[in-house]
N, C-alpha and C. Protein backbone atom coordinates (compact mmCIF):
# COMPACT_ATOMS: atom_id res chain seq x y z
N UNK A 1 8.69 -26.26 -19.32
CA UNK A 1 9.12 -26.36 -17.93
C UNK A 1 9.04 -27.79 -17.45
N UNK A 2 9.97 -28.15 -16.60
CA UNK A 2 9.99 -29.46 -15.95
C UNK A 2 10.00 -29.21 -14.44
N UNK A 3 9.11 -29.89 -13.75
CA UNK A 3 9.08 -29.79 -12.30
C UNK A 3 9.64 -31.08 -11.70
N UNK A 4 10.43 -30.94 -10.66
CA UNK A 4 11.09 -32.08 -10.02
C UNK A 4 10.75 -32.09 -8.54
N UNK A 5 10.33 -33.25 -8.05
CA UNK A 5 10.00 -33.39 -6.63
C UNK A 5 10.74 -34.58 -6.07
N UNK A 6 11.59 -34.33 -5.10
CA UNK A 6 12.37 -35.39 -4.47
C UNK A 6 11.62 -35.98 -3.29
N UNK A 7 11.97 -37.23 -2.99
CA UNK A 7 11.45 -37.89 -1.80
C UNK A 7 12.52 -38.81 -1.24
N UNK A 8 12.34 -39.21 -0.02
CA UNK A 8 13.35 -40.03 0.65
C UNK A 8 14.29 -39.14 1.44
N UNK A 9 15.46 -39.63 1.69
CA UNK A 9 16.39 -38.90 2.52
C UNK A 9 16.11 -39.16 3.99
N UNK A 10 16.92 -38.56 4.84
CA UNK A 10 16.75 -38.74 6.28
C UNK A 10 18.06 -39.01 6.96
N UNK A 11 17.96 -39.62 8.14
CA UNK A 11 19.11 -39.90 8.97
C UNK A 11 19.40 -41.39 8.98
N UNK A 12 20.66 -41.73 8.79
CA UNK A 12 21.06 -43.14 8.78
C UNK A 12 22.44 -43.25 9.42
N UNK A 13 22.72 -44.40 10.00
CA UNK A 13 24.04 -44.62 10.58
C UNK A 13 25.04 -44.98 9.49
N UNK A 14 26.28 -44.71 9.77
CA UNK A 14 27.35 -45.08 8.85
C UNK A 14 27.28 -46.57 8.54
N UNK A 15 27.45 -46.90 7.27
CA UNK A 15 27.36 -48.28 6.84
C UNK A 15 25.97 -48.67 6.38
N UNK A 16 25.00 -47.82 6.64
CA UNK A 16 23.62 -48.10 6.28
C UNK A 16 23.31 -47.73 4.85
N UNK A 17 22.04 -47.89 4.50
CA UNK A 17 21.57 -47.62 3.14
C UNK A 17 20.38 -46.66 3.17
N UNK A 18 20.24 -45.98 2.04
CA UNK A 18 19.13 -45.05 1.89
C UNK A 18 18.82 -44.93 0.41
N UNK A 19 17.57 -44.70 0.10
CA UNK A 19 17.16 -44.52 -1.30
C UNK A 19 16.42 -43.21 -1.42
N UNK A 20 16.82 -42.40 -2.38
CA UNK A 20 16.11 -41.16 -2.66
C UNK A 20 15.59 -41.22 -4.09
N UNK A 21 14.44 -40.60 -4.29
CA UNK A 21 13.81 -40.63 -5.61
C UNK A 21 13.38 -39.24 -6.02
N UNK A 22 13.16 -39.10 -7.31
CA UNK A 22 12.78 -37.82 -7.89
C UNK A 22 11.77 -38.08 -9.00
N UNK A 23 10.65 -37.41 -8.91
CA UNK A 23 9.63 -37.54 -9.94
C UNK A 23 9.56 -36.27 -10.77
N UNK A 24 9.61 -36.45 -12.07
CA UNK A 24 9.55 -35.31 -12.99
C UNK A 24 8.16 -35.18 -13.58
N UNK A 25 7.74 -33.96 -13.82
CA UNK A 25 6.46 -33.71 -14.47
C UNK A 25 6.61 -32.49 -15.38
N UNK A 26 5.63 -32.29 -16.22
CA UNK A 26 5.70 -31.18 -17.17
C UNK A 26 6.25 -31.65 -18.51
N UNK A 27 7.17 -30.89 -19.07
CA UNK A 27 7.72 -31.17 -20.40
C UNK A 27 8.83 -32.22 -20.32
N UNK A 28 8.48 -33.38 -19.79
CA UNK A 28 9.48 -34.42 -19.59
C UNK A 28 10.04 -34.96 -20.89
N UNK A 29 9.29 -34.80 -21.98
CA UNK A 29 9.77 -35.28 -23.28
C UNK A 29 11.01 -34.53 -23.72
N UNK A 30 11.26 -33.37 -23.13
CA UNK A 30 12.42 -32.57 -23.51
C UNK A 30 13.70 -32.96 -22.76
N UNK A 31 13.57 -33.84 -21.78
CA UNK A 31 14.73 -34.22 -20.97
C UNK A 31 15.65 -35.16 -21.75
N UNK A 32 16.97 -34.96 -21.61
CA UNK A 32 17.90 -35.91 -22.20
C UNK A 32 18.72 -36.62 -21.14
N UNK A 33 18.69 -36.16 -19.91
CA UNK A 33 19.39 -36.82 -18.82
C UNK A 33 18.85 -36.32 -17.49
N UNK A 34 19.10 -37.10 -16.45
CA UNK A 34 18.80 -36.68 -15.09
C UNK A 34 19.98 -37.01 -14.22
N UNK A 35 20.08 -36.31 -13.12
CA UNK A 35 21.25 -36.49 -12.27
C UNK A 35 20.93 -36.16 -10.83
N UNK A 36 21.84 -36.59 -9.98
CA UNK A 36 21.81 -36.21 -8.57
C UNK A 36 23.09 -35.42 -8.28
N UNK A 37 22.91 -34.28 -7.68
CA UNK A 37 24.00 -33.46 -7.18
C UNK A 37 23.87 -33.42 -5.66
N UNK A 38 24.94 -33.02 -4.99
CA UNK A 38 24.85 -32.83 -3.55
C UNK A 38 25.68 -31.63 -3.14
N UNK A 39 25.28 -31.04 -2.02
CA UNK A 39 26.03 -29.91 -1.49
C UNK A 39 26.10 -30.03 0.03
N UNK A 40 27.32 -30.14 0.50
CA UNK A 40 27.57 -30.20 1.95
C UNK A 40 27.84 -28.78 2.46
N UNK A 41 27.63 -28.55 3.75
CA UNK A 41 27.87 -27.21 4.30
C UNK A 41 29.28 -26.72 4.01
N UNK A 42 29.37 -25.52 3.48
CA UNK A 42 30.66 -24.92 3.20
C UNK A 42 31.35 -25.44 1.96
N UNK A 43 30.68 -26.30 1.22
CA UNK A 43 31.29 -26.87 0.01
C UNK A 43 30.45 -26.53 -1.22
N UNK A 44 31.07 -26.66 -2.38
CA UNK A 44 30.37 -26.41 -3.63
C UNK A 44 29.48 -27.61 -3.98
N UNK A 45 28.46 -27.33 -4.76
CA UNK A 45 27.61 -28.40 -5.24
C UNK A 45 28.41 -29.29 -6.18
N UNK A 46 28.26 -30.61 -6.04
CA UNK A 46 29.01 -31.54 -6.88
C UNK A 46 28.08 -32.57 -7.51
N UNK A 47 28.45 -33.00 -8.69
CA UNK A 47 27.71 -34.04 -9.39
C UNK A 47 28.03 -35.39 -8.76
N UNK A 48 27.00 -36.11 -8.37
CA UNK A 48 27.16 -37.42 -7.75
C UNK A 48 26.99 -38.54 -8.78
N UNK A 49 25.92 -38.48 -9.53
CA UNK A 49 25.63 -39.51 -10.53
C UNK A 49 24.66 -38.95 -11.56
N UNK A 50 24.76 -39.49 -12.76
CA UNK A 50 23.84 -39.06 -13.82
C UNK A 50 23.47 -40.24 -14.69
N UNK A 51 22.36 -40.11 -15.39
CA UNK A 51 21.88 -41.18 -16.27
C UNK A 51 21.19 -40.54 -17.46
N UNK A 52 21.50 -41.05 -18.65
CA UNK A 52 20.82 -40.56 -19.85
C UNK A 52 19.37 -41.04 -19.82
N UNK A 53 18.49 -40.26 -20.41
CA UNK A 53 17.08 -40.62 -20.37
C UNK A 53 16.77 -41.78 -21.33
N UNK A 54 17.60 -41.99 -22.33
CA UNK A 54 17.52 -43.17 -23.18
C UNK A 54 18.90 -43.80 -23.23
N UNK A 55 18.93 -45.10 -23.48
CA UNK A 55 20.22 -45.78 -23.48
C UNK A 55 20.65 -46.19 -22.09
N UNK A 56 21.90 -46.55 -21.98
CA UNK A 56 22.40 -47.15 -20.74
C UNK A 56 23.51 -46.35 -20.07
N UNK A 57 23.86 -45.21 -20.62
CA UNK A 57 25.01 -44.48 -20.07
C UNK A 57 24.73 -43.93 -18.68
N UNK A 58 25.65 -44.20 -17.78
CA UNK A 58 25.60 -43.63 -16.44
C UNK A 58 26.97 -43.09 -16.07
N UNK A 59 26.97 -42.15 -15.14
CA UNK A 59 28.21 -41.57 -14.63
C UNK A 59 28.14 -41.56 -13.11
N UNK A 60 29.28 -41.85 -12.48
CA UNK A 60 29.37 -41.77 -11.02
C UNK A 60 30.62 -41.01 -10.64
N UNK A 61 30.50 -40.18 -9.63
CA UNK A 61 31.67 -39.54 -9.07
C UNK A 61 32.55 -40.62 -8.44
N UNK A 62 33.82 -40.41 -8.45
CA UNK A 62 34.76 -41.40 -7.92
C UNK A 62 34.44 -41.73 -6.46
N UNK A 63 34.01 -40.74 -5.70
CA UNK A 63 33.77 -40.94 -4.28
C UNK A 63 32.60 -41.86 -3.97
N UNK A 64 31.73 -42.09 -4.95
CA UNK A 64 30.54 -42.91 -4.68
C UNK A 64 30.50 -44.17 -5.54
N UNK A 65 31.43 -44.31 -6.46
CA UNK A 65 31.43 -45.46 -7.37
C UNK A 65 31.52 -46.75 -6.59
N UNK A 66 30.64 -47.68 -6.91
CA UNK A 66 30.62 -48.96 -6.21
C UNK A 66 29.70 -48.98 -5.01
N UNK A 67 29.27 -47.79 -4.56
CA UNK A 67 28.38 -47.71 -3.40
C UNK A 67 26.99 -47.20 -3.78
N UNK A 68 26.93 -46.31 -4.74
CA UNK A 68 25.67 -45.72 -5.17
C UNK A 68 25.26 -46.27 -6.53
N UNK A 69 23.96 -46.38 -6.75
CA UNK A 69 23.44 -46.82 -8.04
C UNK A 69 22.29 -45.90 -8.45
N UNK A 70 22.42 -45.33 -9.64
CA UNK A 70 21.35 -44.49 -10.17
C UNK A 70 20.52 -45.32 -11.14
N UNK A 71 19.22 -45.12 -11.12
CA UNK A 71 18.34 -45.85 -12.02
C UNK A 71 17.18 -44.94 -12.41
N UNK A 72 16.50 -45.32 -13.44
CA UNK A 72 15.38 -44.50 -13.91
C UNK A 72 14.21 -45.41 -14.27
N UNK A 73 13.01 -44.83 -14.26
CA UNK A 73 11.80 -45.50 -14.71
C UNK A 73 11.14 -44.52 -15.67
N UNK A 74 11.33 -44.75 -16.94
CA UNK A 74 10.81 -43.81 -17.94
C UNK A 74 9.29 -43.72 -17.90
N UNK A 75 8.64 -44.83 -17.63
CA UNK A 75 7.17 -44.84 -17.62
C UNK A 75 6.63 -43.96 -16.49
N UNK A 76 7.36 -43.91 -15.38
CA UNK A 76 6.92 -43.11 -14.24
C UNK A 76 7.64 -41.77 -14.15
N UNK A 77 8.54 -41.53 -15.10
CA UNK A 77 9.33 -40.29 -15.08
C UNK A 77 10.03 -40.07 -13.76
N UNK A 78 10.64 -41.13 -13.27
CA UNK A 78 11.35 -41.03 -12.00
C UNK A 78 12.80 -41.48 -12.14
N UNK A 79 13.63 -40.92 -11.31
CA UNK A 79 15.02 -41.34 -11.19
C UNK A 79 15.29 -41.56 -9.71
N UNK A 80 16.04 -42.60 -9.40
CA UNK A 80 16.31 -42.93 -8.01
C UNK A 80 17.81 -43.09 -7.80
N UNK A 81 18.20 -42.91 -6.56
CA UNK A 81 19.60 -43.11 -6.19
C UNK A 81 19.63 -44.02 -4.98
N UNK A 82 20.12 -45.24 -5.18
CA UNK A 82 20.29 -46.18 -4.09
C UNK A 82 21.68 -45.98 -3.50
N UNK A 83 21.72 -45.66 -2.22
CA UNK A 83 22.99 -45.35 -1.57
C UNK A 83 23.28 -46.40 -0.52
N UNK A 84 24.35 -47.15 -0.71
CA UNK A 84 24.76 -48.19 0.22
C UNK A 84 26.10 -47.82 0.85
N UNK A 85 26.40 -48.49 1.94
CA UNK A 85 27.68 -48.27 2.64
C UNK A 85 27.92 -46.79 2.86
N UNK A 86 26.92 -46.13 3.37
CA UNK A 86 27.00 -44.68 3.54
C UNK A 86 28.06 -44.29 4.57
N UNK A 87 28.70 -43.16 4.30
CA UNK A 87 29.75 -42.63 5.15
C UNK A 87 29.33 -41.24 5.66
N UNK A 88 29.88 -40.82 6.78
CA UNK A 88 29.55 -39.47 7.27
C UNK A 88 29.81 -38.38 6.23
N UNK A 89 30.82 -38.57 5.40
CA UNK A 89 31.13 -37.57 4.38
C UNK A 89 30.10 -37.53 3.25
N UNK A 90 29.16 -38.46 3.25
CA UNK A 90 28.06 -38.39 2.28
C UNK A 90 26.96 -37.44 2.74
N UNK A 91 27.07 -36.96 3.97
CA UNK A 91 26.08 -36.03 4.49
C UNK A 91 26.02 -34.76 3.65
N UNK A 92 24.83 -34.43 3.16
CA UNK A 92 24.66 -33.28 2.29
C UNK A 92 23.18 -33.12 1.96
N UNK A 93 22.87 -32.02 1.32
CA UNK A 93 21.56 -31.87 0.68
C UNK A 93 21.72 -32.41 -0.73
N UNK A 94 20.86 -33.33 -1.10
CA UNK A 94 20.91 -33.96 -2.42
C UNK A 94 19.84 -33.34 -3.30
N UNK A 95 20.27 -32.93 -4.49
CA UNK A 95 19.38 -32.27 -5.44
C UNK A 95 19.23 -33.11 -6.70
N UNK A 96 18.01 -33.25 -7.13
CA UNK A 96 17.71 -33.87 -8.42
C UNK A 96 17.77 -32.79 -9.49
N UNK A 97 18.28 -33.14 -10.65
CA UNK A 97 18.37 -32.18 -11.75
C UNK A 97 18.01 -32.86 -13.06
N UNK A 98 17.41 -32.09 -13.94
CA UNK A 98 17.05 -32.59 -15.27
C UNK A 98 17.75 -31.76 -16.33
N UNK A 99 18.26 -32.46 -17.32
CA UNK A 99 18.98 -31.80 -18.40
C UNK A 99 18.13 -31.74 -19.65
N UNK A 100 18.13 -30.60 -20.27
CA UNK A 100 17.55 -30.44 -21.61
C UNK A 100 18.61 -29.77 -22.47
N UNK A 101 18.75 -30.25 -23.69
CA UNK A 101 19.80 -29.74 -24.59
C UNK A 101 21.15 -29.77 -23.91
N UNK A 102 21.40 -30.87 -23.17
CA UNK A 102 22.69 -31.14 -22.54
C UNK A 102 23.11 -30.11 -21.50
N UNK A 103 22.16 -29.50 -20.83
CA UNK A 103 22.45 -28.58 -19.74
C UNK A 103 21.45 -28.82 -18.61
N UNK A 104 21.94 -28.90 -17.37
CA UNK A 104 21.04 -29.12 -16.24
C UNK A 104 20.32 -27.81 -15.94
N UNK A 105 19.10 -27.77 -16.38
CA UNK A 105 18.32 -26.53 -16.32
C UNK A 105 17.32 -26.51 -15.19
N UNK A 106 16.84 -27.71 -14.84
CA UNK A 106 15.77 -27.80 -13.85
C UNK A 106 16.27 -28.51 -12.59
N UNK A 107 15.84 -28.00 -11.45
CA UNK A 107 16.32 -28.50 -10.17
C UNK A 107 15.17 -28.75 -9.20
N UNK A 108 15.34 -29.78 -8.38
CA UNK A 108 14.40 -30.02 -7.30
C UNK A 108 14.74 -29.15 -6.10
N UNK A 109 13.94 -29.28 -5.06
CA UNK A 109 14.12 -28.44 -3.88
C UNK A 109 15.20 -28.96 -2.95
N UNK A 110 15.61 -30.19 -3.14
CA UNK A 110 16.65 -30.78 -2.32
C UNK A 110 16.09 -31.61 -1.19
N UNK A 111 16.82 -32.64 -0.81
CA UNK A 111 16.44 -33.49 0.31
C UNK A 111 17.69 -33.76 1.15
N UNK A 112 17.55 -33.66 2.46
CA UNK A 112 18.69 -33.80 3.35
C UNK A 112 18.99 -35.28 3.60
N UNK A 113 20.26 -35.61 3.48
CA UNK A 113 20.76 -36.93 3.85
C UNK A 113 21.83 -36.71 4.92
N UNK A 114 21.63 -37.32 6.06
CA UNK A 114 22.57 -37.19 7.17
C UNK A 114 23.04 -38.57 7.59
N UNK A 115 24.35 -38.76 7.60
CA UNK A 115 24.94 -40.04 7.98
C UNK A 115 25.71 -39.83 9.29
N UNK A 116 25.27 -40.52 10.31
CA UNK A 116 25.93 -40.36 11.61
C UNK A 116 27.03 -41.40 11.78
N UNK A 117 28.06 -41.00 12.50
CA UNK A 117 29.21 -41.91 12.69
C UNK A 117 29.03 -42.77 13.92
């Protein structure tokens, strides 16, 4: 089992920045990637960004490319998402997820990000 605890989030004005983080514990040696998903009211959950637990591969959704940066700290078992130039449409609950055997199996409780116009 892998446990994920998110931190950060909150309310920010459009154009502002916010950083959210996720700390993993438990069987972290089994993780092969971590990611951030988000879900806005009335919409499906979508993948925002992901990062392999080893190597340099990262993925960004088109809507956030150039504005968001995902990073990891293997020693601390944390993954962070730096969000710049935030837009009202970025408002959502953001979920941290951990992948084992190439499937996102473990999820955090979610953290609310609200961008006001």
